[in-house]
Amino acid sequence: MLDRTHSELAPRGPAAFLLLVFGTTWLFQLPALLAERDVISGPAERFMPLVLLGFFGPLLIALLLSALEGAAGLRALACGLLSWRTNPGYYALALFSSCAIFLAARALFAVIGGDELGPWFYPPRKPQQIAALVLIPFTEQIPWRGFLYPRLERKHGPQLASLLTGFAWGLFHVQKHAFIDPHASLVVALLTIAFMTSGTVVFTWFYQRSGRSLLLVVVAHMGAYLNNPSTALPNALPLAMHTLGYCLFAFALVRFDRSTWCSAEGRFGTRDNKPLTQ
């Protein structure tokens, strides 16, 4: 439920958060971009630590804005991570759902006659991939799910808030990888936004079903690294299959489990006993 902790949050938080996130990301990338184009002297590589710092911008900004909101903001950010008591089955489902979604999409493409679809599994093998599995779900879900989503949910309800949060999250990924990712392209950018938007809808389902456990969403995000087709880039087909699977699964959750998204009893998607969509 959207409890009193979240009802005390500042309504202007989303705008400030998004402006600071996207602004600082470009600001941190600017010196490297200028060096690459010989506008300033020196190799672009010397500015890469600044670029990488921008990747953690959403987390730092969420912590700063929460602190400026006072005790209510910090409490709201922390309570989701401390809310771990839920059906244990949800943890297993969250951890393995992303892998299952890809395998189902991969099987569908195989049935309809797709050729050269690639492997069925893309597990983390390199140390940096394992580190990403452990760290990134925390550094990304705390700001996007823990900070931005509840504030958007108060005004727009869980469905639209999920779409807005996912779109912004995907756009941030496109922005931060535009400079350093050699596989960056318009197709990959569009797939990334669609993947993260539909993924956010799925994560919201876990979030609402578990009584707003941010920790469960972190586990679901970790699951995305257990079988991660984006490591196949520049071959975008595995990512496209995974994206299609997420889109279909997200649609099914919204279409066939409506009680999770708008309950008259106030368990999910309500504020002060009134529908969030009002």
C-alpha atoms as a PDB file:
ATOM      1  CA  MET A   1       0.000   0.000   0.000  1.00  0.00           C
ATOM      2  CA  LEU A   2       1.032   3.596  -0.476  1.00  0.00           C
ATOM      3  CA  ASP A   3       1.519   4.378   3.205  1.00  0.00           C
ATOM      4  CA  ARG A   4       1.806   7.643   5.049  1.00  0.00           C
ATOM      5  CA  THR A   5       5.570   7.670   4.586  1.00  0.00           C
ATOM      6  CA  HIS A   6       5.156   7.995   0.838  1.00  0.00           C
ATOM      7  CA  SER A   7       2.210  10.397   1.092  1.00  0.00           C
ATOM      8  CA  GLU A   8       4.520  12.937   2.758  1.00  0.00           C
ATOM      9  CA  LEU A   9       6.902  13.080  -0.198  1.00  0.00           C
ATOM     10  CA  ALA A  10       7.521  16.343  -2.001  1.00  0.00           C
ATOM     11  CA  PRO A  11       5.442  16.546  -5.209  1.00  0.00           C
ATOM     12  CA  ARG A  12       8.197  18.424  -7.084  1.00  0.00           C
ATOM     13  CA  GLY A  13      10.716  15.669  -6.499  1.00  0.00           C
ATOM     14  CA  PRO A  14      10.349  13.957  -9.921  1.00  0.00           C
ATOM     15  CA  ALA A  15      11.078  17.092 -11.945  1.00  0.00           C
ATOM     16  CA  ALA A  16      14.121  18.002  -9.873  1.00  0.00           C
ATOM     17  CA  PHE A  17      15.394  14.434  -9.968  1.00  0.00           C
ATOM     18  CA  LEU A  18      15.086  14.059 -13.744  1.00  0.00           C
ATOM     19  CA  LEU A  19      16.590  17.461 -14.515  1.00  0.00           C
ATOM     20  CA  LEU A  20      19.571  16.794 -12.290  1.00  0.00           C
ATOM     21  CA  VAL A  21      20.062  13.226 -13.527  1.00  0.00           C
ATOM     22  CA  PHE A  22      20.080  14.040 -17.227  1.00  0.00           C
ATOM     23  CA  GLY A  23      21.903  17.331 -16.764  1.00  0.00           C
ATOM     24  CA  THR A  24      24.736  15.909 -14.680  1.00  0.00           C
ATOM     25  CA  THR A  25      25.136  12.891 -16.959  1.00  0.00           C
ATOM     26  CA  TRP A  26      25.830  15.146 -19.936  1.00  0.00           C
ATOM     27  CA  LEU A  27      27.960  17.454 -17.792  1.00  0.00           C
ATOM     28  CA  PHE A  28      30.177  14.577 -16.675  1.00  0.00           C
ATOM     29  CA  GLN A  29      30.465  13.317 -20.255  1.00  0.00           C
ATOM     30  CA  LEU A  30      31.214  16.739 -21.748  1.00  0.00           C
ATOM     31  CA  PRO A  31      34.980  16.904 -21.009  1.00  0.00           C
ATOM     32  CA  ALA A  32      35.564  13.500 -22.627  1.00  0.00           C
ATOM     33  CA  LEU A  33      33.457  14.476 -25.626  1.00  0.00           C
ATOM     34  CA  LEU A  34      35.377  17.730 -26.048  1.00  0.00           C
ATOM     35  CA  ALA A  35      38.715  15.928 -25.739  1.00  0.00           C
ATOM     36  CA  GLU A  36      37.647  13.362 -28.307  1.00  0.00           C
ATOM     37  CA  ARG A  37      36.935  16.173 -30.749  1.00  0.00           C
ATOM     38  CA  ASP A  38      40.196  18.003 -29.922  1.00  0.00           C
ATOM     39  CA  VAL A  39      38.345  20.979 -28.466  1.00  0.00           C
ATOM     40  CA  ILE A  40      40.404  20.563 -25.324  1.00  0.00           C
ATOM     41  CA  SER A  41      43.871  19.023 -25.161  1.00  0.00           C
ATOM     42  CA  GLY A  42      44.656  15.567 -23.890  1.00  0.00           C
ATOM     43  CA  PRO A  43      43.240  12.091 -24.411  1.00  0.00           C
ATOM     44  CA  ALA A  44      39.566  11.471 -23.755  1.00  0.00           C
ATOM     45  CA  GLU A  45      40.474   8.490 -21.594  1.00  0.00           C
ATOM     46  CA  ARG A  46      41.698  10.713 -18.774  1.00  0.00           C
ATOM     47  CA  PHE A  47      38.134  11.950 -18.299  1.00  0.00           C
ATOM     48  CA  MET A  48      36.586   8.467 -18.149  1.00  0.00           C
ATOM     49  CA  PRO A  49      36.451   8.407 -14.317  1.00  0.00           C
ATOM     50  CA  LEU A  50      34.217  11.461 -14.540  1.00  0.00           C
ATOM     51  CA  VAL A  51      32.027   9.708 -17.117  1.00  0.00           C
ATOM     52  CA  LEU A  52      31.751   6.656 -14.868  1.00  0.00           C
ATOM     53  CA  LEU A  53      30.871   8.874 -11.910  1.00  0.00           C
ATOM     54  CA  GLY A  54      27.890  10.078 -13.906  1.00  0.00           C
ATOM     55  CA  PHE A  55      26.598   6.507 -13.990  1.00  0.00           C
ATOM     56  CA  PHE A  56      26.032   6.765 -10.239  1.00  0.00           C
ATOM     57  CA  GLY A  57      24.411  10.174 -10.548  1.00  0.00           C
ATOM     58  CA  PRO A  58      20.815   8.953 -10.028  1.00  0.00           C
ATOM     59  CA  LEU A  59      21.727   7.286  -6.739  1.00  0.00           C
ATOM     60  CA  LEU A  60      23.623  10.311  -5.417  1.00  0.00           C
ATOM     61  CA  ILE A  61      20.882  12.700  -6.534  1.00  0.00           C
ATOM     62  CA  ALA A  62      18.156  10.554  -4.978  1.00  0.00           C
ATOM     63  CA  LEU A  63      20.034  10.515  -1.683  1.00  0.00           C
ATOM     64  CA  LEU A  64      20.549  14.286  -1.818  1.00  0.00           C
ATOM     65  CA  LEU A  65      16.938  15.110  -2.640  1.00  0.00           C
ATOM     66  CA  SER A  66      15.684  12.668  -0.008  1.00  0.00           C
ATOM     67  CA  ALA A  67      17.889  14.338   2.587  1.00  0.00           C
ATOM     68  CA  LEU A  68      16.523  17.756   1.579  1.00  0.00           C
ATOM     69  CA  GLU A  69      13.002  16.423   2.184  1.00  0.00           C
ATOM     70  CA  GLY A  70      14.001  15.626   5.727  1.00  0.00           C
ATOM     71  CA  ALA A  71      13.207  12.540   7.772  1.00  0.00           C
ATOM     72  CA  ALA A  72      10.201  11.587   5.637  1.00  0.00           C
ATOM     73  CA  GLY A  73      12.266  11.446   2.462  1.00  0.00           C
ATOM     74  CA  LEU A  74      15.065   9.372   3.971  1.00  0.00           C
ATOM     75  CA  ARG A  75      12.591   7.082   5.704  1.00  0.00           C
ATOM     76  CA  ALA A  76      10.705   6.492   2.471  1.00  0.00           C
ATOM     77  CA  LEU A  77      13.919   5.618   0.632  1.00  0.00           C
ATOM     78  CA  ALA A  78      15.029   3.165   3.313  1.00  0.00           C
ATOM     79  CA  CYS A  79      11.763   1.458   4.187  1.00  0.00           C
ATOM     80  CA  GLY A  80      11.496  -0.393   0.879  1.00  0.00           C
ATOM     81  CA  LEU A  81      14.883  -2.046   1.330  1.00  0.00           C
ATOM     82  CA  LEU A  82      13.989  -2.994   4.888  1.00  0.00           C
ATOM     83  CA  SER A  83      10.655  -4.447   3.792  1.00  0.00           C
ATOM     84  CA  TRP A  84      11.758  -8.001   3.062  1.00  0.00           C
ATOM     85  CA  ARG A  85       9.010 -10.083   4.634  1.00  0.00           C
ATOM     86  CA  THR A  86       6.886 -11.464   1.853  1.00  0.00           C
ATOM     87  CA  ASN A  87       5.993 -14.811   0.347  1.00  0.00           C
ATOM     88  CA  PRO A  88       9.319 -16.621  -0.251  1.00  0.00           C
ATOM     89  CA  GLY A  89       7.963 -17.783  -3.578  1.00  0.00           C
ATOM     90  CA  TYR A  90       8.090 -14.209  -4.822  1.00  0.00           C
ATOM     91  CA  TYR A  91      11.863 -14.133  -4.345  1.00  0.00           C
ATOM     92  CA  ALA A  92      12.327 -17.245  -6.473  1.00  0.00           C
ATOM     93  CA  LEU A  93       9.921 -15.920  -9.089  1.00  0.00           C
ATOM     94  CA  ALA A  94      11.636 -12.528  -9.127  1.00  0.00           C
ATOM     95  CA  LEU A  95      15.116 -14.019  -9.446  1.00  0.00           C
ATOM     96  CA  PHE A  96      14.315 -16.352 -12.334  1.00  0.00           C
ATOM     97  CA  SER A  97      11.521 -14.503 -14.146  1.00  0.00           C
ATOM     98  CA  SER A  98      13.796 -12.606 -16.530  1.00  0.00           C
ATOM     99  CA  CYS A  99      15.579 -15.802 -17.553  1.00  0.00           C
ATOM    100  CA  ALA A 100      12.246 -17.543 -18.075  1.00  0.00           C
ATOM    101  CA  ILE A 101      10.936 -14.651 -20.171  1.00  0.00           C
ATOM    102  CA  PHE A 102      13.938 -14.831 -22.488  1.00  0.00           C
ATOM    103  CA  LEU A 103      13.762 -18.610 -22.795  1.00  0.00           C
ATOM    104  CA  ALA A 104      10.056 -18.417 -23.675  1.00  0.00           C
ATOM    105  CA  ALA A 105      10.690 -15.738 -26.304  1.00  0.00           C
ATOM    106  CA  ARG A 106      13.663 -17.676 -27.672  1.00  0.00           C
ATOM    107  CA  ALA A 107      11.514 -20.822 -27.922  1.00  0.00           C
ATOM    108  CA  LEU A 108       8.771 -18.884 -29.718  1.00  0.00           C
ATOM    109  CA  PHE A 109      11.217 -17.628 -32.319  1.00  0.00           C
ATOM    110  CA  ALA A 110      12.600 -21.142 -32.750  1.00  0.00           C
ATOM    111  CA  VAL A 111       9.113 -22.545 -33.315  1.00  0.00           C
ATOM    112  CA  ILE A 112       8.220 -19.989 -35.980  1.00  0.00           C
ATOM    113  CA  GLY A 113      11.371 -20.854 -37.871  1.00  0.00           C
ATOM    114  CA  GLY A 114      13.985 -18.334 -36.856  1.00  0.00           C
ATOM    115  CA  ASP A 115      17.555 -19.086 -37.897  1.00  0.00           C
ATOM    116  CA  GLU A 116      20.782 -18.200 -36.113  1.00  0.00           C
ATOM    117  CA  LEU A 117      18.990 -17.122 -32.951  1.00  0.00           C
ATOM    118  CA  GLY A 118      22.067 -17.509 -30.808  1.00  0.00           C
ATOM    119  CA  PRO A 119      22.522 -19.297 -27.475  1.00  0.00           C
ATOM    120  CA  TRP A 120      19.768 -19.934 -24.987  1.00  0.00           C
ATOM    121  CA  PHE A 121      21.821 -18.701 -22.062  1.00  0.00           C
ATOM    122  CA  TYR A 122      24.037 -15.646 -21.532  1.00  0.00           C
ATOM    123  CA  PRO A 123      25.274 -16.102 -17.948  1.00  0.00           C
ATOM    124  CA  PRO A 124      27.729 -13.740 -16.265  1.00  0.00           C
ATOM    125  CA  ARG A 125      31.247 -15.052 -16.803  1.00  0.00           C
ATOM    126  CA  LYS A 126      33.550 -12.057 -16.484  1.00  0.00           C
ATOM    127  CA  PRO A 127      34.358 -10.457 -13.112  1.00  0.00           C
ATOM    128  CA  GLN A 128      32.813  -7.152 -14.185  1.00  0.00           C
ATOM    129  CA  GLN A 129      29.586  -8.938 -15.129  1.00  0.00           C
ATOM    130  CA  ILE A 130      29.382 -10.583 -11.711  1.00  0.00           C
ATOM    131  CA  ALA A 131      30.110  -7.252 -10.040  1.00  0.00           C
ATOM    132  CA  ALA A 132      27.323  -5.664 -12.088  1.00  0.00           C
ATOM    133  CA  LEU A 133      24.905  -8.387 -10.966  1.00  0.00           C
ATOM    134  CA  VAL A 134      25.621  -7.619  -7.315  1.00  0.00           C
ATOM    135  CA  LEU A 135      25.964  -3.827  -7.357  1.00  0.00           C
ATOM    136  CA  ILE A 136      23.928  -2.270 -10.170  1.00  0.00           C
ATOM    137  CA  PRO A 137      20.487  -3.479  -9.008  1.00  0.00           C
ATOM    138  CA  PHE A 138      21.020  -1.528  -5.786  1.00  0.00           C
ATOM    139  CA  THR A 139      22.521   1.595  -7.368  1.00  0.00           C
ATOM    140  CA  GLU A 140      19.723   1.784  -9.955  1.00  0.00           C
ATOM    141  CA  GLN A 141      16.617   0.576  -8.114  1.00  0.00           C
ATOM    142  CA  ILE A 142      17.159   2.823  -5.097  1.00  0.00           C
ATOM    143  CA  PRO A 143      16.842   6.010  -7.207  1.00  0.00           C
ATOM    144  CA  TRP A 144      14.442   4.878  -9.936  1.00  0.00           C
ATOM    145  CA  ARG A 145      12.134   2.591  -7.954  1.00  0.00           C
ATOM    146  CA  GLY A 146      12.768   3.839  -4.456  1.00  0.00           C
ATOM    147  CA  PHE A 147      12.764   7.582  -5.183  1.00  0.00           C
ATOM    148  CA  LEU A 148      11.133   8.406  -8.521  1.00  0.00           C
ATOM    149  CA  TYR A 149       8.385   5.810  -8.828  1.00  0.00           C
ATOM    150  CA  PRO A 150       6.505   6.505  -5.541  1.00  0.00           C
ATOM    151  CA  ARG A 151       6.359  10.220  -6.325  1.00  0.00           C
ATOM    152  CA  LEU A 152       5.006   9.602  -9.816  1.00  0.00           C
ATOM    153  CA  GLU A 153       2.601   6.994  -8.469  1.00  0.00           C
ATOM    154  CA  ARG A 154       1.008   9.513  -6.118  1.00  0.00           C
ATOM    155  CA  LYS A 155      -0.037  11.649  -9.077  1.00  0.00           C
ATOM    156  CA  HIS A 156      -0.459   9.222 -11.965  1.00  0.00           C
ATOM    157  CA  GLY A 157      -1.222   5.808 -10.489  1.00  0.00           C
ATOM    158  CA  PRO A 158       0.884   2.658 -10.756  1.00  0.00           C
ATOM    159  CA  GLN A 159       0.431   1.939 -14.469  1.00  0.00           C
ATOM    160  CA  LEU A 160       1.373   5.341 -15.870  1.00  0.00           C
ATOM    161  CA  ALA A 161       3.995   5.833 -13.166  1.00  0.00           C
ATOM    162  CA  SER A 162       5.605   2.555 -14.270  1.00  0.00           C
ATOM    163  CA  LEU A 163       5.669   3.645 -17.904  1.00  0.00           C
ATOM    164  CA  LEU A 164       7.105   7.061 -17.056  1.00  0.00           C
ATOM    165  CA  THR A 165       9.717   5.619 -14.705  1.00  0.00           C
ATOM    166  CA  GLY A 166      10.711   2.928 -17.195  1.00  0.00           C
ATOM    167  CA  PHE A 167      10.945   5.368 -20.092  1.00  0.00           C
ATOM    168  CA  ALA A 168      13.147   7.739 -18.078  1.00  0.00           C
ATOM    169  CA  TRP A 169      15.284   4.846 -16.847  1.00  0.00           C
ATOM    170  CA  GLY A 170      15.739   3.570 -20.388  1.00  0.00           C
ATOM    171  CA  LEU A 171      16.524   7.045 -21.715  1.00  0.00           C
ATOM    172  CA  PHE A 172      19.161   7.440 -19.022  1.00  0.00           C
ATOM    173  CA  HIS A 173      20.792   4.199 -20.148  1.00  0.00           C
ATOM    174  CA  VAL A 174      20.747   5.329 -23.761  1.00  0.00           C
ATOM    175  CA  GLN A 175      22.295   8.646 -22.763  1.00  0.00           C
ATOM    176  CA  LYS A 176      25.051   7.205 -20.601  1.00  0.00           C
ATOM    177  CA  HIS A 177      26.044   4.556 -23.148  1.00  0.00           C
ATOM    178  CA  ALA A 178      25.930   6.849 -26.165  1.00  0.00           C
ATOM    179  CA  PHE A 179      29.521   7.906 -25.626  1.00  0.00           C
ATOM    180  CA  ILE A 180      31.359   4.837 -24.335  1.00  0.00           C
ATOM    181  CA  ASP A 181      29.397   1.956 -25.883  1.00  0.00           C
ATOM    182  CA  PRO A 182      30.789   0.925 -29.279  1.00  0.00           C
ATOM    183  CA  HIS A 183      27.513  -0.877 -30.040  1.00  0.00           C
ATOM    184  CA  ALA A 184      25.335   2.218 -29.566  1.00  0.00           C
ATOM    185  CA  SER A 185      22.832   2.674 -32.391  1.00  0.00           C
ATOM    186  CA  LEU A 186      19.282   3.858 -32.918  1.00  0.00           C
ATOM    187  CA  VAL A 187      17.974   0.282 -32.992  1.00  0.00           C
ATOM    188  CA  VAL A 188      19.712  -0.603 -29.738  1.00  0.00           C
ATOM    189  CA  ALA A 189      18.499   2.647 -28.174  1.00  0.00           C
ATOM    190  CA  LEU A 190      14.873   1.927 -29.052  1.00  0.00           C
ATOM    191  CA  LEU A 191      15.146  -1.654 -27.840  1.00  0.00           C
ATOM    192  CA  THR A 192      16.728  -0.466 -24.602  1.00  0.00           C
ATOM    193  CA  ILE A 193      13.909   1.985 -23.889  1.00  0.00           C
ATOM    194  CA  ALA A 194      11.230  -0.599 -24.721  1.00  0.00           C
ATOM    195  CA  PHE A 195      13.005  -3.267 -22.671  1.00  0.00           C
ATOM    196  CA  MET A 196      13.397  -1.112 -19.582  1.00  0.00           C
ATOM    197  CA  THR A 197       9.900   0.360 -19.815  1.00  0.00           C
ATOM    198  CA  SER A 198       8.237  -3.052 -20.013  1.00  0.00           C
ATOM    199  CA  GLY A 199      10.654  -4.365 -17.392  1.00  0.00           C
ATOM    200  CA  THR A 200       9.621  -1.597 -15.035  1.00  0.00           C
ATOM    201  CA  VAL A 201       5.977  -2.647 -15.393  1.00  0.00           C
ATOM    202  CA  VAL A 202       6.976  -6.191 -14.435  1.00  0.00           C
ATOM    203  CA  PHE A 203       9.015  -4.886 -11.517  1.00  0.00           C
ATOM    204  CA  THR A 204       6.016  -2.860 -10.356  1.00  0.00           C
ATOM    205  CA  TRP A 205       3.968  -6.041 -10.236  1.00  0.00           C
ATOM    206  CA  PHE A 206       6.509  -7.582  -7.867  1.00  0.00           C
ATOM    207  CA  TYR A 207       6.673  -4.340  -5.900  1.00  0.00           C
ATOM    208  CA  GLN A 208       2.918  -4.113  -5.413  1.00  0.00           C
ATOM    209  CA  ARG A 209       2.391  -7.818  -4.822  1.00  0.00           C
ATOM    210  CA  SER A 210       5.027  -7.908  -2.089  1.00  0.00           C
ATOM    211  CA  GLY A 211       3.625  -4.944  -0.171  1.00  0.00           C
ATOM    212  CA  ARG A 212       6.051  -2.463  -1.781  1.00  0.00           C
ATOM    213  CA  SER A 213       9.315  -4.286  -1.164  1.00  0.00           C
ATOM    214  CA  LEU A 214      12.166  -2.496  -2.913  1.00  0.00           C
ATOM    215  CA  LEU A 215      14.411  -5.392  -1.953  1.00  0.00           C
ATOM    216  CA  LEU A 216      12.310  -7.771  -4.046  1.00  0.00           C
ATOM    217  CA  VAL A 217      12.676  -5.464  -7.054  1.00  0.00           C
ATOM    218  CA  VAL A 218      16.440  -5.490  -6.507  1.00  0.00           C
ATOM    219  CA  VAL A 219      16.331  -9.294  -6.618  1.00  0.00           C
ATOM    220  CA  ALA A 220      14.278  -9.172  -9.842  1.00  0.00           C
ATOM    221  CA  HIS A 221      16.861  -6.825 -11.349  1.00  0.00           C
ATOM    222  CA  MET A 222      19.632  -9.212 -10.325  1.00  0.00           C
ATOM    223  CA  GLY A 223      17.786 -11.930 -12.181  1.00  0.00           C
ATOM    224  CA  ALA A 224      18.143  -9.970 -15.412  1.00  0.00           C
ATOM    225  CA  TYR A 225      21.920 -10.484 -15.181  1.00  0.00           C
ATOM    226  CA  LEU A 226      21.655 -14.254 -14.773  1.00  0.00           C
ATOM    227  CA  ASN A 227      20.715 -14.581 -18.434  1.00  0.00           C
ATOM    228  CA  ASN A 228      21.590 -11.289 -20.111  1.00  0.00           C
ATOM    229  CA  PRO A 229      21.169 -11.286 -23.928  1.00  0.00           C
ATOM    230  CA  SER A 230      22.436  -7.713 -24.180  1.00  0.00           C
ATOM    231  CA  THR A 231      25.944  -9.157 -23.881  1.00  0.00           C
ATOM    232  CA  ALA A 232      25.422 -10.498 -27.417  1.00  0.00           C
ATOM    233  CA  LEU A 233      25.561  -6.977 -28.884  1.00  0.00           C
ATOM    234  CA  PRO A 234      26.210  -5.858 -31.591  1.00  0.00           C
ATOM    235  CA  ASN A 235      23.868  -8.740 -32.487  1.00  0.00           C
ATOM    236  CA  ALA A 236      20.612  -7.109 -31.419  1.00  0.00           C
ATOM    237  CA  LEU A 237      18.350 -10.110 -32.086  1.00  0.00           C
ATOM    238  CA  PRO A 238      18.703 -11.675 -28.597  1.00  0.00           C
ATOM    239  CA  LEU A 239      17.902  -8.321 -26.998  1.00  0.00           C
ATOM    240  CA  ALA A 240      14.930  -7.920 -29.358  1.00  0.00           C
ATOM    241  CA  MET A 241      13.588 -11.343 -28.359  1.00  0.00           C
ATOM    242  CA  HIS A 242      13.984 -10.528 -24.678  1.00  0.00           C
ATOM    243  CA  THR A 243      12.271  -7.166 -25.171  1.00  0.00           C
ATOM    244  CA  LEU A 244       9.322  -8.764 -26.945  1.00  0.00           C
ATOM    245  CA  GLY A 245       9.004 -11.287 -24.147  1.00  0.00           C
ATOM    246  CA  TYR A 246       8.980  -8.564 -21.509  1.00  0.00           C
ATOM    247  CA  CYS A 247       6.424  -6.512 -23.435  1.00  0.00           C
ATOM    248  CA  LEU A 248       4.046  -9.482 -23.727  1.00  0.00           C
ATOM    249  CA  PHE A 249       4.522 -10.452 -20.088  1.00  0.00           C
ATOM    250  CA  ALA A 250       3.969  -6.878 -18.879  1.00  0.00           C
ATOM    251  CA  PHE A 251       0.792  -6.629 -20.970  1.00  0.00           C
ATOM    252  CA  ALA A 252      -0.475  -9.907 -19.514  1.00  0.00           C
ATOM    253  CA  LEU A 253       0.160  -8.748 -15.931  1.00  0.00           C
ATOM    254  CA  VAL A 254      -1.761  -5.518 -16.482  1.00  0.00           C
ATOM    255  CA  ARG A 255      -4.557  -7.172 -18.463  1.00  0.00           C
ATOM    256  CA  PHE A 256      -5.208 -10.226 -16.317  1.00  0.00           C
ATOM    257  CA  ASP A 257      -4.222  -9.127 -12.789  1.00  0.00           C
ATOM    258  CA  ARG A 258      -6.081  -5.848 -12.508  1.00  0.00           C
ATOM    259  CA  SER A 259      -6.479  -6.086  -8.745  1.00  0.00           C
ATOM    260  CA  THR A 260      -2.774  -5.463  -8.318  1.00  0.00           C
ATOM    261  CA  TRP A 261      -2.974  -2.195 -10.229  1.00  0.00           C
ATOM    262  CA  CYS A 262      -6.200  -0.638  -8.923  1.00  0.00           C
ATOM    263  CA  SER A 263      -7.830  -2.087  -5.833  1.00  0.00           C
ATOM    264  CA  ALA A 264     -10.954  -0.538  -4.342  1.00  0.00           C
ATOM    265  CA  GLU A 265      -9.869  -1.809  -0.932  1.00  0.00           C
ATOM    266  CA  GLY A 266      -6.760   0.355  -0.967  1.00  0.00           C
ATOM    267  CA  ARG A 267      -4.141  -2.366  -0.875  1.00  0.00           C
ATOM    268  CA  PHE A 268      -2.531  -1.420  -4.154  1.00  0.00           C
ATOM    269  CA  GLY A 269      -2.521   1.864  -5.999  1.00  0.00           C
ATOM    270  CA  THR A 270      -4.343   4.098  -3.532  1.00  0.00           C
ATOM    271  CA  ARG A 271      -3.521   7.208  -1.564  1.00  0.00           C
ATOM    272  CA  ASP A 272      -5.296   8.218   1.612  1.00  0.00           C
ATOM    273  CA  ASN A 273      -8.079   5.735   0.766  1.00  0.00           C
ATOM    274  CA  LYS A 274      -8.691   7.435  -2.599  1.00  0.00           C
ATOM    275  CA  PRO A 275      -7.754   6.044  -6.003  1.00  0.00           C
ATOM    276  CA  LEU A 276      -4.420   7.333  -7.198  1.00  0.00           C
ATOM    277  CA  THR A 277      -5.897   8.023 -10.619  1.00  0.00           C
ATOM    278  CA  GLN A 278      -8.201  10.679  -9.253  1.00  0.00           C
END
